[in-house]
Amino acid sequence: MDFFSGPHIIIIVLIIVLLFGSKKIPDLAKNLGQGIKEFKKASSEAQKEAELPAQKPAVPLEKPENKDIPKA
């Protein structure tokens, strides 16, 4: 028992064409593909970043001294 059969898919495609127009559909598909590509890229970068060990700062943080200000 298939939920979507041939006539159902044809009706869905016709509704999409009526809503967006035949000129907008390639642009929508292109933008959807770019969005998926950016999402995959960001998720892989985040995964790589999470796998890296935490690095300690090279220089220890110290409180800077102000020698220009005279002490009262």
N, C-alpha and C. Protein backbone atom coordinates (compact mmCIF):
# COMPACT_ATOMS: atom_id res chain seq x y z
N MET A 1 0.86 -1.18 0.00
CA MET A 1 0.00 0.00 0.00
C MET A 1 0.90 1.23 0.00
N ASP A 2 1.03 1.85 -1.14
CA ASP A 2 1.86 3.05 -1.27
C ASP A 2 1.05 4.28 -0.91
N PHE A 3 1.69 5.16 -0.16
CA PHE A 3 1.01 6.40 0.23
C PHE A 3 0.94 7.35 -0.96
N PHE A 4 2.04 7.44 -1.73
CA PHE A 4 2.06 8.28 -2.92
C PHE A 4 2.15 7.37 -4.14
N SER A 5 1.16 7.45 -4.98
CA SER A 5 1.21 6.71 -6.23
C SER A 5 1.37 7.72 -7.37
N GLY A 6 1.35 7.26 -8.59
CA GLY A 6 1.56 8.12 -9.76
C GLY A 6 0.64 9.33 -9.82
N PRO A 7 -0.69 9.13 -9.72
CA PRO A 7 -1.59 10.29 -9.80
C PRO A 7 -1.39 11.29 -8.65
N HIS A 8 -1.03 10.80 -7.48
CA HIS A 8 -0.81 11.71 -6.35
C HIS A 8 0.39 12.61 -6.61
N ILE A 9 1.45 12.05 -7.14
CA ILE A 9 2.66 12.83 -7.41
C ILE A 9 2.39 13.87 -8.50
N ILE A 10 1.62 13.48 -9.53
CA ILE A 10 1.28 14.42 -10.60
C ILE A 10 0.47 15.58 -10.05
N ILE A 11 -0.47 15.31 -9.19
CA ILE A 11 -1.29 16.37 -8.59
C ILE A 11 -0.43 17.30 -7.73
N ILE A 12 0.50 16.75 -6.96
CA ILE A 12 1.38 17.57 -6.13
C ILE A 12 2.25 18.47 -7.00
N VAL A 13 2.80 17.92 -8.09
CA VAL A 13 3.63 18.73 -9.00
C VAL A 13 2.82 19.84 -9.62
N LEU A 14 1.59 19.56 -10.03
CA LEU A 14 0.73 20.59 -10.61
C LEU A 14 0.42 21.70 -9.60
N ILE A 15 0.19 21.34 -8.36
CA ILE A 15 -0.08 22.34 -7.32
C ILE A 15 1.15 23.22 -7.11
N ILE A 16 2.34 22.62 -7.09
CA ILE A 16 3.57 23.39 -6.93
C ILE A 16 3.76 24.36 -8.10
N VAL A 17 3.50 23.89 -9.32
CA VAL A 17 3.63 24.76 -10.49
C VAL A 17 2.62 25.91 -10.42
N LEU A 18 1.41 25.63 -9.98
CA LEU A 18 0.41 26.69 -9.86
C LEU A 18 0.78 27.71 -8.78
N LEU A 19 1.34 27.26 -7.68
CA LEU A 19 1.69 28.16 -6.59
C LEU A 19 2.90 29.03 -6.91
N PHE A 20 3.94 28.44 -7.47
CA PHE A 20 5.19 29.16 -7.65
C PHE A 20 5.45 29.60 -9.08
N GLY A 21 4.82 29.00 -10.04
CA GLY A 21 5.08 29.33 -11.43
C GLY A 21 6.25 28.53 -11.95
N SER A 22 6.25 28.27 -13.23
CA SER A 22 7.29 27.41 -13.81
C SER A 22 8.66 28.09 -13.85
N LYS A 23 8.71 29.42 -13.81
CA LYS A 23 9.99 30.12 -13.86
C LYS A 23 10.68 30.13 -12.50
N LYS A 24 9.93 30.04 -11.42
CA LYS A 24 10.51 30.12 -10.08
C LYS A 24 11.01 28.76 -9.56
N ILE A 25 10.52 27.68 -10.10
CA ILE A 25 10.86 26.35 -9.58
C ILE A 25 12.35 26.04 -9.69
N PRO A 26 13.04 26.33 -10.82
CA PRO A 26 14.50 26.08 -10.85
C PRO A 26 15.26 26.91 -9.81
N ASP A 27 14.83 28.16 -9.61
CA ASP A 27 15.48 28.99 -8.60
C ASP A 27 15.26 28.43 -7.20
N LEU A 28 14.05 27.96 -6.93
CA LEU A 28 13.78 27.37 -5.62
C LEU A 28 14.63 26.12 -5.39
N ALA A 29 14.75 25.28 -6.42
CA ALA A 29 15.55 24.06 -6.30
C ALA A 29 17.03 24.40 -6.10
N LYS A 30 17.52 25.41 -6.81
CA LYS A 30 18.91 25.83 -6.68
C LYS A 30 19.18 26.35 -5.27
N ASN A 31 18.29 27.20 -4.77
CA ASN A 31 18.47 27.75 -3.43
C ASN A 31 18.38 26.66 -2.36
N LEU A 32 17.50 25.71 -2.56
CA LEU A 32 17.39 24.59 -1.61
C LEU A 32 18.67 23.77 -1.60
N GLY A 33 19.23 23.50 -2.77
CA GLY A 33 20.48 22.77 -2.86
C GLY A 33 21.63 23.50 -2.20
N GLN A 34 21.70 24.83 -2.40
CA GLN A 34 22.76 25.62 -1.77
C GLN A 34 22.60 25.62 -0.25
N GLY A 35 21.38 25.69 0.22
CA GLY A 35 21.14 25.66 1.66
C GLY A 35 21.57 24.35 2.28
N ILE A 36 21.25 23.26 1.62
CA ILE A 36 21.65 21.94 2.12
C ILE A 36 23.18 21.81 2.12
N LYS A 37 23.82 22.32 1.06
CA LYS A 37 25.28 22.28 0.97
C LYS A 37 25.92 23.08 2.11
N GLU A 38 25.42 24.27 2.39
CA GLU A 38 25.96 25.10 3.47
C GLU A 38 25.73 24.44 4.83
N PHE A 39 24.58 23.81 5.01
CA PHE A 39 24.30 23.13 6.28
C PHE A 39 25.26 21.98 6.51
N LYS A 40 25.50 21.18 5.47
CA LYS A 40 26.44 20.06 5.60
C LYS A 40 27.84 20.56 5.88
N LYS A 41 28.24 21.65 5.23
CA LYS A 41 29.58 22.22 5.45
C LYS A 41 29.72 22.71 6.89
N ALA A 42 28.73 23.42 7.39
CA ALA A 42 28.79 23.94 8.75
C ALA A 42 28.78 22.82 9.78
N SER A 43 27.98 21.78 9.54
CA SER A 43 27.94 20.68 10.50
C SER A 43 29.24 19.89 10.51
N SER A 44 29.88 19.72 9.34
CA SER A 44 31.16 19.00 9.32
C SER A 44 32.25 19.84 9.98
N GLU A 45 32.23 21.16 9.80
CA GLU A 45 33.21 22.03 10.47
C GLU A 45 33.02 22.00 11.98
N ALA A 46 31.78 22.00 12.43
CA ALA A 46 31.51 21.95 13.86
C ALA A 46 31.96 20.62 14.45
N GLN A 47 31.77 19.55 13.70
CA GLN A 47 32.20 18.23 14.17
C GLN A 47 33.72 18.16 14.26
N LYS A 48 34.42 18.71 13.27
CA LYS A 48 35.88 18.72 13.31
C LYS A 48 36.38 19.56 14.48
N GLU A 49 35.74 20.68 14.73
CA GLU A 49 36.13 21.55 15.83
C GLU A 49 35.91 20.87 17.18
N ALA A 50 34.85 20.11 17.29
CA ALA A 50 34.55 19.42 18.54
C ALA A 50 35.55 18.29 18.80
N GLU A 51 36.11 17.72 17.74
CA GLU A 51 37.06 16.62 17.89
C GLU A 51 38.45 17.10 18.30
N LEU A 52 38.79 18.37 18.03
CA LEU A 52 40.10 18.89 18.38
C LEU A 52 40.23 19.01 19.90
N PRO A 53 41.41 18.67 20.43
CA PRO A 53 41.60 18.84 21.88
C PRO A 53 41.69 20.32 22.24
N ALA A 54 41.29 20.63 23.43
CA ALA A 54 41.34 22.02 23.89
C ALA A 54 42.80 22.43 24.02
N GLN A 55 43.13 23.59 23.47
CA GLN A 55 44.50 24.07 23.52
C GLN A 55 44.63 25.15 24.58
N LYS A 56 45.75 25.11 25.30
CA LYS A 56 46.01 26.13 26.31
C LYS A 56 46.59 27.36 25.62
N PRO A 57 46.35 28.54 26.17
CA PRO A 57 46.94 29.72 25.55
C PRO A 57 48.46 29.69 25.65
N ALA A 58 49.14 30.18 24.62
CA ALA A 58 50.59 30.12 24.57
C ALA A 58 51.22 31.04 25.61
N VAL A 59 50.60 32.19 25.85
CA VAL A 59 51.13 33.14 26.81
C VAL A 59 50.17 33.20 27.99
N PRO A 60 50.69 33.04 29.21
CA PRO A 60 49.78 33.14 30.36
C PRO A 60 49.26 34.57 30.49
N LEU A 61 48.00 34.66 30.85
CA LEU A 61 47.38 35.97 31.00
C LEU A 61 47.83 36.60 32.31
N GLU A 62 48.36 37.81 32.24
CA GLU A 62 48.81 38.53 33.42
C GLU A 62 48.12 39.89 33.45
N LYS A 63 48.03 40.43 34.63
CA LYS A 63 47.43 41.74 34.80
C LYS A 63 48.45 42.79 34.34
N PRO A 64 48.10 43.63 33.38
CA PRO A 64 49.05 44.64 32.90
C PRO A 64 49.24 45.74 33.97
N GLU A 65 50.45 46.22 34.06
CA GLU A 65 50.74 47.30 34.99
C GLU A 65 50.75 48.62 34.24
N ASN A 66 50.12 49.61 34.82
CA ASN A 66 50.10 50.95 34.23
C ASN A 66 51.20 51.78 34.87
N LYS A 67 52.33 51.94 34.19
CA LYS A 67 53.43 52.71 34.71
C LYS A 67 53.27 54.20 34.42
N ASP A 68 52.39 54.53 33.48
CA ASP A 68 52.21 55.94 33.12
C ASP A 68 51.38 56.69 34.15
N ILE A 69 50.54 56.01 34.89
CA ILE A 69 49.66 56.66 35.86
C ILE A 69 50.41 56.77 37.19
N PRO A 70 50.60 57.98 37.70
CA PRO A 70 51.29 58.13 38.99
C PRO A 70 50.41 57.66 40.13
N LYS A 71 51.04 57.05 41.13
CA LYS A 71 50.28 56.56 42.28
C LYS A 71 50.11 57.69 43.26
N ALA A 72 48.96 57.79 43.89
CA ALA A 72 48.67 58.87 44.84
C ALA A 72 49.10 58.53 46.23
